[in-house]
Amino acid sequence: MKSYKDLDIYNISIELFLETNAFSLKLPTFETYELGSQLRRSSDSINSNIVEGYGRKSYKQDFIKFITYAHASNLECHNHLYKISRLYPELKEEGEKLMEEYHKLGVKIHNFLDYVKSSWKT
């Protein structure tokens, strides 16, 4: 792998970020700056931590730390989507689709984290 752009978890996370950003703007105006902002920040944090971790890949423990942060941000994002789906029935279907995609991404991040922990050579 020559770049973080070669990582499936990065590519999936950036696409989900773009979808999530657009989704968050469908929230009521007051919520755009509250729960919507938290959703956008947690979604952005996933791919940003993957990039930063990759940038520190020479230091295995740093790589593990940032991929762990990406996984935690993925869980946070999923939680915000769950809250939105409960609060705004008109957004439930789209929110649940995004939640499913974040769940799949979480599995991939977890598997990549296991790989880095067990097999990454610095």
Protein backbone atom coordinates (compact mmCIF):
# COMPACT_ATOMS: atom_id res chain seq x y z
CA MET A 1 0.00 0.00 0.00
CA LYS A 2 1.45 3.30 -1.13
CA SER A 3 -1.08 5.65 0.43
CA TYR A 4 -3.96 5.80 2.87
CA LYS A 5 -6.09 6.12 -0.27
CA ASP A 6 -5.33 2.44 -0.91
CA LEU A 7 -7.17 1.46 2.29
CA ASP A 8 -10.78 0.30 1.87
CA ILE A 9 -11.61 1.72 5.29
CA TYR A 10 -10.50 5.17 4.14
CA ASN A 11 -12.40 5.06 0.86
CA ILE A 12 -15.58 3.82 2.51
CA SER A 13 -15.30 6.35 5.33
CA ILE A 14 -14.84 9.32 2.99
CA GLU A 15 -17.89 8.31 0.93
CA LEU A 16 -19.94 7.86 4.09
CA PHE A 17 -18.74 11.24 5.32
CA LEU A 18 -20.07 12.89 2.16
CA GLU A 19 -23.42 11.08 2.44
CA THR A 20 -23.67 11.83 6.15
CA ASN A 21 -22.90 15.49 5.67
CA ALA A 22 -25.75 15.83 3.17
CA PHE A 23 -28.05 13.81 5.45
CA SER A 24 -27.30 16.06 8.45
CA LEU A 25 -28.44 19.10 6.52
CA LYS A 26 -31.96 17.62 6.34
CA LEU A 27 -32.33 18.10 10.08
CA PRO A 28 -34.41 21.00 11.42
CA THR A 29 -32.40 24.23 11.42
CA PHE A 30 -31.84 24.33 15.18
CA GLU A 31 -30.62 20.71 15.12
CA THR A 32 -28.17 21.40 12.29
CA TYR A 33 -25.96 23.16 14.82
CA GLU A 34 -26.48 20.66 17.63
CA LEU A 35 -26.88 16.97 16.86
CA GLY A 36 -26.16 17.59 13.16
CA SER A 37 -22.82 19.18 14.01
CA GLN A 38 -21.89 16.28 16.29
CA LEU A 39 -22.80 13.82 13.54
CA ARG A 40 -20.69 15.66 10.96
CA ARG A 41 -17.71 15.90 13.31
CA SER A 42 -17.79 12.24 14.30
CA SER A 43 -18.13 11.18 10.66
CA ASP A 44 -15.21 13.40 9.67
CA SER A 45 -13.16 12.08 12.58
CA ILE A 46 -13.29 8.52 11.24
CA ASN A 47 -11.43 9.24 8.03
CA SER A 48 -9.21 11.90 9.58
CA ASN A 49 -7.96 9.42 12.18
CA ILE A 50 -7.35 6.79 9.50
CA VAL A 51 -5.24 9.30 7.58
CA GLU A 52 -3.33 10.42 10.67
CA GLY A 53 -2.77 6.84 11.76
CA TYR A 54 -1.46 5.94 8.32
CA GLY A 55 0.87 8.91 8.51
CA ARG A 56 2.31 7.41 11.70
CA LYS A 57 2.44 3.84 10.38
CA SER A 58 6.16 3.64 11.08
CA TYR A 59 5.23 3.66 14.76
CA LYS A 60 2.98 0.64 15.26
CA GLN A 61 1.51 1.81 18.58
CA ASP A 62 0.59 5.20 17.08
CA PHE A 63 -1.01 3.47 14.10
CA ILE A 64 -3.03 1.28 16.48
CA LYS A 65 -4.04 4.29 18.57
CA PHE A 66 -5.41 6.26 15.64
CA ILE A 67 -7.22 3.31 14.08
CA THR A 68 -8.76 2.77 17.53
CA TYR A 69 -9.86 6.41 17.53
CA ALA A 70 -11.39 5.89 14.07
CA HIS A 71 -13.30 2.89 15.39
CA ALA A 72 -14.54 4.88 18.39
CA SER A 73 -15.64 7.75 16.15
CA ASN A 74 -17.48 5.23 13.99
CA LEU A 75 -19.40 4.06 17.07
CA GLU A 76 -20.14 7.66 18.02
CA CYS A 77 -21.43 8.40 14.52
CA HIS A 78 -23.66 5.32 14.64
CA ASN A 79 -25.05 6.52 17.98
CA HIS A 80 -25.87 9.99 16.61
CA LEU A 81 -27.67 8.40 13.66
CA TYR A 82 -29.65 6.23 16.07
CA LYS A 83 -30.75 9.31 18.03
CA ILE A 84 -31.74 11.13 14.84
CA SER A 85 -33.72 8.09 13.65
CA ARG A 86 -35.63 8.06 16.95
CA LEU A 87 -36.21 11.82 17.11
CA TYR A 88 -37.16 12.43 13.47
CA PRO A 89 -39.38 9.69 11.98
CA GLU A 90 -39.18 11.31 8.54
CA LEU A 91 -35.41 10.65 8.54
CA LYS A 92 -35.61 7.16 10.05
CA GLU A 93 -35.28 5.13 6.85
CA GLU A 94 -32.29 7.07 5.54
CA GLY A 95 -30.72 7.16 9.01
CA GLU A 96 -31.06 3.40 9.39
CA LYS A 97 -29.43 2.83 5.98
CA LEU A 98 -26.49 4.96 7.06
CA MET A 99 -26.34 3.12 10.39
CA GLU A 100 -26.05 -0.18 8.50
CA GLU A 101 -23.22 1.21 6.37
CA TYR A 102 -21.41 2.49 9.46
CA HIS A 103 -21.87 -0.92 11.07
CA LYS A 104 -20.20 -2.57 8.06
CA LEU A 105 -17.42 0.00 8.19
CA GLY A 106 -16.95 -0.67 11.90
CA VAL A 107 -16.42 -4.36 11.19
CA LYS A 108 -13.82 -3.50 8.55
CA ILE A 109 -12.02 -1.07 10.86
CA HIS A 110 -12.02 -3.67 13.63
CA ASN A 111 -10.58 -6.30 11.28
CA PHE A 112 -7.93 -3.88 10.04
CA LEU A 113 -7.05 -3.02 13.63
CA ASP A 114 -6.61 -6.72 14.42
CA TYR A 115 -4.37 -7.05 11.36
CA VAL A 116 -2.20 -4.10 12.41
CA LYS A 117 -1.92 -5.45 15.96
CA SER A 118 -0.91 -8.94 14.87
CA SER A 119 0.97 -8.51 11.61
CA TRP A 120 2.15 -4.94 11.09
CA LYS A 121 5.90 -4.64 10.71
CA THR A 122 7.56 -1.30 11.36
